[in-house]
Amino acid sequence: MKKVLMSLMSVVLLTGCKVELAPTVNLSDINSDTAKTISSKLIVEVTACADYKDSRNESSSLIQAKKGITEVFGDAKYIECYREKMDSKALFEIPITVGGKELTGDIQLANADFGGGLVVKMSPNLKTKIDKVSKSGMSKIQPSVTIKLKNDTSENVDIVAHASYINGKPMTVSTYTLLSGKESTFKLSDVSVSSAFDNGVSIIYEDLSNRMKLEK
């Protein structure tokens, strides 16, 4: 009976599997025409890290998460599983592309083609793989994107943010300044994340100086 209850609990908790892409990037790399590959954190919420019968073994949800992530990202590297407050999370690292113009991998953070800013691009192949894993039993994946962006340039940059939270503050089409030498955290809204997956691209912010030039 206990085994049945634990199985049912796992099914309920895994109905929506939360997966967060959490890269840390430099503004200079975003603005570069030369693409580079960096490692990004990928955090997957699991029901538990250890098996409830024997804590020396991994839980079934962690095993399932590791299988699903490696099916989506062939180069994914499992780092650890840990507990944060009441949640258990599995940490992975995956390669993403930063800078450049053409999409060369599944995920790219780059300067916007319209003259400045930041966009996130995702390949159609990525969505296909995620849909396949979701249907295979890992549960429906609920993706989110949180970007830590450091302005490593010598100047402040005025931007217009699109549908995201910056340092926890909600922004729709709002002005914000990327201070030189400082780091800002962008958490994309559900609409922005959906646009990236469904349309292949989502605008995170526009460079205000370039926007003003285009309007003249």
C-alpha atoms as a PDB file:
ATOM      1  CA  MET A   1       0.000   0.000   0.000  1.00  0.00           C
ATOM      2  CA  LYS A   2       2.843   2.376   0.901  1.00  0.00           C
ATOM      3  CA  LYS A   3       4.516   1.696  -2.422  1.00  0.00           C
ATOM      4  CA  VAL A   4       1.293   2.515  -4.277  1.00  0.00           C
ATOM      5  CA  LEU A   5       0.877   5.794  -2.388  1.00  0.00           C
ATOM      6  CA  MET A   6       4.465   6.831  -3.121  1.00  0.00           C
ATOM      7  CA  SER A   7       3.965   6.070  -6.813  1.00  0.00           C
ATOM      8  CA  LEU A   8       0.780   8.140  -6.935  1.00  0.00           C
ATOM      9  CA  MET A   9       2.523  11.006  -5.155  1.00  0.00           C
ATOM     10  CA  SER A  10       5.330  10.943  -7.709  1.00  0.00           C
ATOM     11  CA  VAL A  11       2.833  11.116 -10.567  1.00  0.00           C
ATOM     12  CA  VAL A  12       1.067  14.105  -9.019  1.00  0.00           C
ATOM     13  CA  LEU A  13       4.260  16.009  -8.260  1.00  0.00           C
ATOM     14  CA  LEU A  14       5.703  15.355 -11.691  1.00  0.00           C
ATOM     15  CA  THR A  15       2.632  16.604 -13.544  1.00  0.00           C
ATOM     16  CA  GLY A  16       4.564  19.787 -14.307  1.00  0.00           C
ATOM     17  CA  CYS A  17       8.345  19.418 -14.350  1.00  0.00           C
ATOM     18  CA  LYS A  18       9.964  22.826 -13.822  1.00  0.00           C
ATOM     19  CA  VAL A  19      13.142  23.341 -15.845  1.00  0.00           C
ATOM     20  CA  GLU A  20      15.058  26.615 -15.543  1.00  0.00           C
ATOM     21  CA  LEU A  21      17.776  27.776 -17.928  1.00  0.00           C
ATOM     22  CA  ALA A  22      20.039  30.073 -15.894  1.00  0.00           C
ATOM     23  CA  PRO A  23      23.092  31.369 -17.801  1.00  0.00           C
ATOM     24  CA  THR A  24      25.525  34.063 -16.632  1.00  0.00           C
ATOM     25  CA  VAL A  25      26.805  36.197 -19.518  1.00  0.00           C
ATOM     26  CA  ASN A  26      28.824  39.339 -20.244  1.00  0.00           C
ATOM     27  CA  LEU A  27      27.403  42.216 -22.265  1.00  0.00           C
ATOM     28  CA  SER A  28      30.551  42.378 -24.407  1.00  0.00           C
ATOM     29  CA  ASP A  29      30.004  38.760 -25.477  1.00  0.00           C
ATOM     30  CA  ILE A  30      26.345  39.444 -26.269  1.00  0.00           C
ATOM     31  CA  ASN A  31      27.343  42.363 -28.504  1.00  0.00           C
ATOM     32  CA  SER A  32      30.146  40.475 -30.265  1.00  0.00           C
ATOM     33  CA  ASP A  33      29.716  39.420 -33.897  1.00  0.00           C
ATOM     34  CA  THR A  34      31.802  36.348 -33.088  1.00  0.00           C
ATOM     35  CA  ALA A  35      29.813  33.566 -31.459  1.00  0.00           C
ATOM     36  CA  LYS A  36      31.250  31.680 -28.501  1.00  0.00           C
ATOM     37  CA  THR A  37      30.073  28.678 -26.520  1.00  0.00           C
ATOM     38  CA  ILE A  38      29.642  28.889 -22.756  1.00  0.00           C
ATOM     39  CA  SER A  39      28.273  26.563 -20.078  1.00  0.00           C
ATOM     40  CA  SER A  40      24.874  27.472 -18.680  1.00  0.00           C
ATOM     41  CA  LYS A  41      23.175  26.164 -15.574  1.00  0.00           C
ATOM     42  CA  LEU A  42      20.052  24.094 -16.128  1.00  0.00           C
ATOM     43  CA  ILE A  43      18.027  23.476 -12.970  1.00  0.00           C
ATOM     44  CA  VAL A  44      15.370  20.751 -12.868  1.00  0.00           C
ATOM     45  CA  GLU A  45      12.915  20.402  -9.999  1.00  0.00           C
ATOM     46  CA  VAL A  46      12.584  16.796  -8.804  1.00  0.00           C
ATOM     47  CA  THR A  47      10.486  15.181  -6.075  1.00  0.00           C
ATOM     48  CA  ALA A  48      13.568  14.135  -4.101  1.00  0.00           C
ATOM     49  CA  CYS A  49      17.295  13.582  -4.567  1.00  0.00           C
ATOM     50  CA  ALA A  50      17.513  10.247  -2.749  1.00  0.00           C
ATOM     51  CA  ASP A  51      15.381   7.132  -2.843  1.00  0.00           C
ATOM     52  CA  TYR A  52      12.908   7.007   0.050  1.00  0.00           C
ATOM     53  CA  LYS A  53      13.819   3.366   0.773  1.00  0.00           C
ATOM     54  CA  ASP A  54      17.596   3.799   0.672  1.00  0.00           C
ATOM     55  CA  SER A  55      19.114   7.298   0.766  1.00  0.00           C
ATOM     56  CA  ARG A  56      22.315   5.941  -0.774  1.00  0.00           C
ATOM     57  CA  ASN A  57      20.454   5.517  -4.059  1.00  0.00           C
ATOM     58  CA  GLU A  58      19.097   8.189  -6.370  1.00  0.00           C
ATOM     59  CA  SER A  59      15.353   8.797  -6.417  1.00  0.00           C
ATOM     60  CA  SER A  60      13.322   7.643  -9.396  1.00  0.00           C
ATOM     61  CA  SER A  61      12.489  11.278 -10.256  1.00  0.00           C
ATOM     62  CA  LEU A  62      16.195  12.204 -10.345  1.00  0.00           C
ATOM     63  CA  ILE A  63      16.967   9.204 -12.558  1.00  0.00           C
ATOM     64  CA  GLN A  64      14.089  10.196 -14.835  1.00  0.00           C
ATOM     65  CA  ALA A  65      15.270  13.834 -14.946  1.00  0.00           C
ATOM     66  CA  LYS A  66      18.816  12.800 -15.870  1.00  0.00           C
ATOM     67  CA  LYS A  67      17.486  10.584 -18.648  1.00  0.00           C
ATOM     68  CA  GLY A  68      15.165  13.268 -20.026  1.00  0.00           C
ATOM     69  CA  ILE A  69      17.732  16.081 -19.947  1.00  0.00           C
ATOM     70  CA  THR A  70      20.390  14.025 -21.719  1.00  0.00           C
ATOM     71  CA  GLU A  71      17.834  13.106 -24.390  1.00  0.00           C
ATOM     72  CA  VAL A  72      17.164  16.796 -25.036  1.00  0.00           C
ATOM     73  CA  PHE A  73      20.737  18.029 -24.553  1.00  0.00           C
ATOM     74  CA  GLY A  74      23.254  15.435 -25.659  1.00  0.00           C
ATOM     75  CA  ASP A  75      26.154  17.387 -24.116  1.00  0.00           C
ATOM     76  CA  ALA A  76      24.441  17.953 -20.757  1.00  0.00           C
ATOM     77  CA  LYS A  77      26.603  17.356 -17.690  1.00  0.00           C
ATOM     78  CA  TYR A  78      24.989  16.381 -14.398  1.00  0.00           C
ATOM     79  CA  ILE A  79      26.521  18.300 -11.487  1.00  0.00           C
ATOM     80  CA  GLU A  80      24.562  17.574  -8.309  1.00  0.00           C
ATOM     81  CA  CYS A  81      21.182  17.270  -6.640  1.00  0.00           C
ATOM     82  CA  TYR A  82      20.418  19.516  -3.670  1.00  0.00           C
ATOM     83  CA  ARG A  83      17.580  20.771  -1.500  1.00  0.00           C
ATOM     84  CA  GLU A  84      16.593  24.450  -1.527  1.00  0.00           C
ATOM     85  CA  LYS A  85      14.007  25.302   1.136  1.00  0.00           C
ATOM     86  CA  MET A  86      11.231  22.767   0.446  1.00  0.00           C
ATOM     87  CA  ASP A  87      12.279  21.905  -3.115  1.00  0.00           C
ATOM     88  CA  SER A  88      14.737  19.330  -4.433  1.00  0.00           C
ATOM     89  CA  LYS A  89      16.643  20.376  -7.537  1.00  0.00           C
ATOM     90  CA  ALA A  90      18.985  18.671  -9.977  1.00  0.00           C
ATOM     91  CA  LEU A  91      21.718  20.875 -11.406  1.00  0.00           C
ATOM     92  CA  PHE A  92      23.087  20.344 -14.919  1.00  0.00           C
ATOM     93  CA  GLU A  93      25.367  22.305 -17.207  1.00  0.00           C
ATOM     94  CA  ILE A  94      24.613  22.618 -20.917  1.00  0.00           C
ATOM     95  CA  PRO A  95      26.415  24.472 -23.724  1.00  0.00           C
ATOM     96  CA  ILE A  96      24.716  27.535 -25.222  1.00  0.00           C
ATOM     97  CA  THR A  97      25.843  30.066 -27.838  1.00  0.00           C
ATOM     98  CA  VAL A  98      26.496  33.705 -26.914  1.00  0.00           C
ATOM     99  CA  GLY A  99      26.937  36.446 -29.512  1.00  0.00           C
ATOM    100  CA  GLY A 100      27.150  36.006 -33.253  1.00  0.00           C
ATOM    101  CA  LYS A 101      24.411  36.445 -35.825  1.00  0.00           C
ATOM    102  CA  GLU A 102      23.301  33.043 -37.083  1.00  0.00           C
ATOM    103  CA  LEU A 103      21.803  30.436 -34.765  1.00  0.00           C
ATOM    104  CA  THR A 104      24.467  27.740 -34.492  1.00  0.00           C
ATOM    105  CA  GLY A 105      23.054  25.595 -31.688  1.00  0.00           C
ATOM    106  CA  ASP A 106      19.790  24.948 -29.896  1.00  0.00           C
ATOM    107  CA  ILE A 107      19.964  28.065 -27.691  1.00  0.00           C
ATOM    108  CA  GLN A 108      21.585  31.417 -28.418  1.00  0.00           C
ATOM    109  CA  LEU A 109      21.745  34.762 -26.599  1.00  0.00           C
ATOM    110  CA  ALA A 110      22.759  37.496 -29.011  1.00  0.00           C
ATOM    111  CA  ASN A 111      22.539  41.121 -30.040  1.00  0.00           C
ATOM    112  CA  ALA A 112      19.289  41.940 -31.804  1.00  0.00           C
ATOM    113  CA  ASP A 113      19.470  42.249 -35.598  1.00  0.00           C
ATOM    114  CA  PHE A 114      17.520  45.516 -35.550  1.00  0.00           C
ATOM    115  CA  GLY A 115      20.445  47.536 -34.181  1.00  0.00           C
ATOM    116  CA  GLY A 116      20.995  46.658 -30.560  1.00  0.00           C
ATOM    117  CA  GLY A 117      19.603  44.870 -27.562  1.00  0.00           C
ATOM    118  CA  LEU A 118      19.319  41.252 -26.472  1.00  0.00           C
ATOM    119  CA  VAL A 119      17.313  38.367 -27.885  1.00  0.00           C
ATOM    120  CA  VAL A 120      17.099  34.696 -27.012  1.00  0.00           C
ATOM    121  CA  LYS A 121      16.858  32.287 -29.933  1.00  0.00           C
ATOM    122  CA  MET A 122      15.839  28.643 -29.816  1.00  0.00           C
ATOM    123  CA  SER A 123      15.921  26.116 -32.630  1.00  0.00           C
ATOM    124  CA  PRO A 124      12.801  24.241 -33.819  1.00  0.00           C
ATOM    125  CA  ASN A 125      14.748  21.051 -33.115  1.00  0.00           C
ATOM    126  CA  LEU A 126      14.891  21.910 -29.405  1.00  0.00           C
ATOM    127  CA  LYS A 127      11.122  22.220 -29.105  1.00  0.00           C
ATOM    128  CA  THR A 128      10.683  18.938 -30.976  1.00  0.00           C
ATOM    129  CA  LYS A 129      13.009  17.133 -28.560  1.00  0.00           C
ATOM    130  CA  ILE A 130      11.316  18.648 -25.503  1.00  0.00           C
ATOM    131  CA  ASP A 131       7.867  17.672 -26.788  1.00  0.00           C
ATOM    132  CA  LYS A 132       9.116  14.141 -27.418  1.00  0.00           C
ATOM    133  CA  VAL A 133      10.515  13.785 -23.895  1.00  0.00           C
ATOM    134  CA  SER A 134       7.323  15.220 -22.383  1.00  0.00           C
ATOM    135  CA  LYS A 135       5.213  12.652 -24.226  1.00  0.00           C
ATOM    136  CA  SER A 136       7.533   9.791 -23.256  1.00  0.00           C
ATOM    137  CA  GLY A 137       6.677  10.081 -19.566  1.00  0.00           C
ATOM    138  CA  MET A 138       8.997  12.671 -17.977  1.00  0.00           C
ATOM    139  CA  SER A 139       5.856  14.819 -17.563  1.00  0.00           C
ATOM    140  CA  LYS A 140       5.037  18.106 -19.228  1.00  0.00           C
ATOM    141  CA  ILE A 141       8.082  20.355 -19.011  1.00  0.00           C
ATOM    142  CA  GLN A 142       7.502  23.877 -17.697  1.00  0.00           C
ATOM    143  CA  PRO A 143      10.488  25.899 -18.938  1.00  0.00           C
ATOM    144  CA  SER A 144      11.718  29.208 -17.548  1.00  0.00           C
ATOM    145  CA  VAL A 145      14.694  31.430 -18.367  1.00  0.00           C
ATOM    146  CA  THR A 146      16.679  33.550 -15.890  1.00  0.00           C
ATOM    147  CA  ILE A 147      19.695  35.434 -17.247  1.00  0.00           C
ATOM    148  CA  LYS A 148      22.392  37.105 -15.157  1.00  0.00           C
ATOM    149  CA  LEU A 149      23.871  39.804 -17.365  1.00  0.00           C
ATOM    150  CA  LYS A 150      27.007  41.709 -16.375  1.00  0.00           C
ATOM    151  CA  ASN A 151      27.732  45.022 -18.070  1.00  0.00           C
ATOM    152  CA  ASP A 152      31.476  44.524 -18.405  1.00  0.00           C
ATOM    153  CA  THR A 153      31.817  47.596 -20.661  1.00  0.00           C
ATOM    154  CA  SER A 154      33.030  51.023 -19.532  1.00  0.00           C
ATOM    155  CA  GLU A 155      29.679  52.743 -20.137  1.00  0.00           C
ATOM    156  CA  ASN A 156      26.157  52.647 -18.753  1.00  0.00           C
ATOM    157  CA  VAL A 157      23.615  51.327 -21.265  1.00  0.00           C
ATOM    158  CA  ASP A 158      20.016  52.549 -21.343  1.00  0.00           C
ATOM    159  CA  ILE A 159      17.573  49.879 -22.474  1.00  0.00           C
ATOM    160  CA  VAL A 160      13.880  49.241 -23.012  1.00  0.00           C
ATOM    161  CA  ALA A 161      12.965  45.946 -21.357  1.00  0.00           C
ATOM    162  CA  HIS A 162      10.286  43.658 -22.821  1.00  0.00           C
ATOM    163  CA  ALA A 163       8.018  41.456 -20.678  1.00  0.00           C
ATOM    164  CA  SER A 164      10.494  40.366 -18.028  1.00  0.00           C
ATOM    165  CA  TYR A 165      11.437  40.800 -14.387  1.00  0.00           C
ATOM    166  CA  ILE A 166      14.656  42.730 -13.775  1.00  0.00           C
ATOM    167  CA  ASN A 167      16.098  42.112 -10.321  1.00  0.00           C
ATOM    168  CA  GLY A 168      12.627  40.970  -9.292  1.00  0.00           C
ATOM    169  CA  LYS A 169      10.799  44.054 -10.594  1.00  0.00           C
ATOM    170  CA  PRO A 170       8.206  43.477 -13.361  1.00  0.00           C
ATOM    171  CA  MET A 171       8.884  45.294 -16.642  1.00  0.00           C
ATOM    172  CA  THR A 172       6.605  45.373 -19.685  1.00  0.00           C
ATOM    173  CA  VAL A 173       7.984  47.983 -22.080  1.00  0.00           C
ATOM    174  CA  SER A 174      10.020  49.906 -19.527  1.00  0.00           C
ATOM    175  CA  THR A 175      13.310  51.816 -19.455  1.00  0.00           C
ATOM    176  CA  TYR A 176      16.209  50.557 -17.379  1.00  0.00           C
ATOM    177  CA  THR A 177      19.935  51.291 -17.130  1.00  0.00           C
ATOM    178  CA  LEU A 178      22.595  48.599 -17.243  1.00  0.00           C
ATOM    179  CA  LEU A 179      25.219  50.140 -14.968  1.00  0.00           C
ATOM    180  CA  SER A 180      28.863  49.701 -15.919  1.00  0.00           C
ATOM    181  CA  GLY A 181      30.491  46.935 -13.904  1.00  0.00           C
ATOM    182  CA  LYS A 182      27.182  45.775 -12.403  1.00  0.00           C
ATOM    183  CA  GLU A 183      25.116  42.629 -12.860  1.00  0.00           C
ATOM    184  CA  SER A 184      21.374  42.565 -13.582  1.00  0.00           C
ATOM    185  CA  THR A 185      19.091  39.544 -13.436  1.00  0.00           C
ATOM    186  CA  PHE A 186      16.459  39.101 -16.171  1.00  0.00           C
ATOM    187  CA  LYS A 187      13.692  36.571 -15.584  1.00  0.00           C
ATOM    188  CA  LEU A 188      11.626  36.163 -18.728  1.00  0.00           C
ATOM    189  CA  SER A 189       7.845  36.218 -18.502  1.00  0.00           C
ATOM    190  CA  ASP A 190       5.840  33.162 -19.564  1.00  0.00           C
ATOM    191  CA  VAL A 191       4.899  35.000 -22.769  1.00  0.00           C
ATOM    192  CA  SER A 192       8.560  35.658 -23.616  1.00  0.00           C
ATOM    193  CA  VAL A 193       9.520  32.035 -22.947  1.00  0.00           C
ATOM    194  CA  SER A 194       6.631  30.773 -25.076  1.00  0.00           C
ATOM    195  CA  SER A 195       7.654  33.119 -27.900  1.00  0.00           C
ATOM    196  CA  ALA A 196      11.202  31.760 -27.825  1.00  0.00           C
ATOM    197  CA  PHE A 197      10.003  28.159 -28.075  1.00  0.00           C
ATOM    198  CA  ASP A 198       7.074  28.654 -30.454  1.00  0.00           C
ATOM    199  CA  ASN A 199       8.456  31.428 -32.681  1.00  0.00           C
ATOM    200  CA  GLY A 200      12.169  30.733 -32.332  1.00  0.00           C
ATOM    201  CA  VAL A 201      13.032  34.153 -30.896  1.00  0.00           C
ATOM    202  CA  SER A 202      12.062  36.484 -28.067  1.00  0.00           C
ATOM    203  CA  ILE A 203      13.197  40.066 -27.450  1.00  0.00           C
ATOM    204  CA  ILE A 204      14.509  40.641 -23.936  1.00  0.00           C
ATOM    205  CA  TYR A 205      15.453  44.286 -24.362  1.00  0.00           C
ATOM    206  CA  GLU A 206      16.254  46.970 -26.919  1.00  0.00           C
ATOM    207  CA  ASP A 207      19.218  49.336 -26.705  1.00  0.00           C
ATOM    208  CA  LEU A 208      17.550  52.730 -26.170  1.00  0.00           C
ATOM    209  CA  SER A 209      20.259  54.712 -27.957  1.00  0.00           C
ATOM    210  CA  ASN A 210      19.874  52.621 -31.122  1.00  0.00           C
ATOM    211  CA  ARG A 211      16.102  52.776 -30.877  1.00  0.00           C
ATOM    212  CA  MET A 212      16.210  56.577 -30.767  1.00  0.00           C
ATOM    213  CA  LYS A 213      18.483  56.662 -33.821  1.00  0.00           C
ATOM    214  CA  LEU A 214      16.035  54.500 -35.772  1.00  0.00           C
ATOM    215  CA  GLU A 215      13.111  56.738 -34.823  1.00  0.00           C
ATOM    216  CA  LYS A 216      14.811  59.898 -36.134  1.00  0.00           C
END
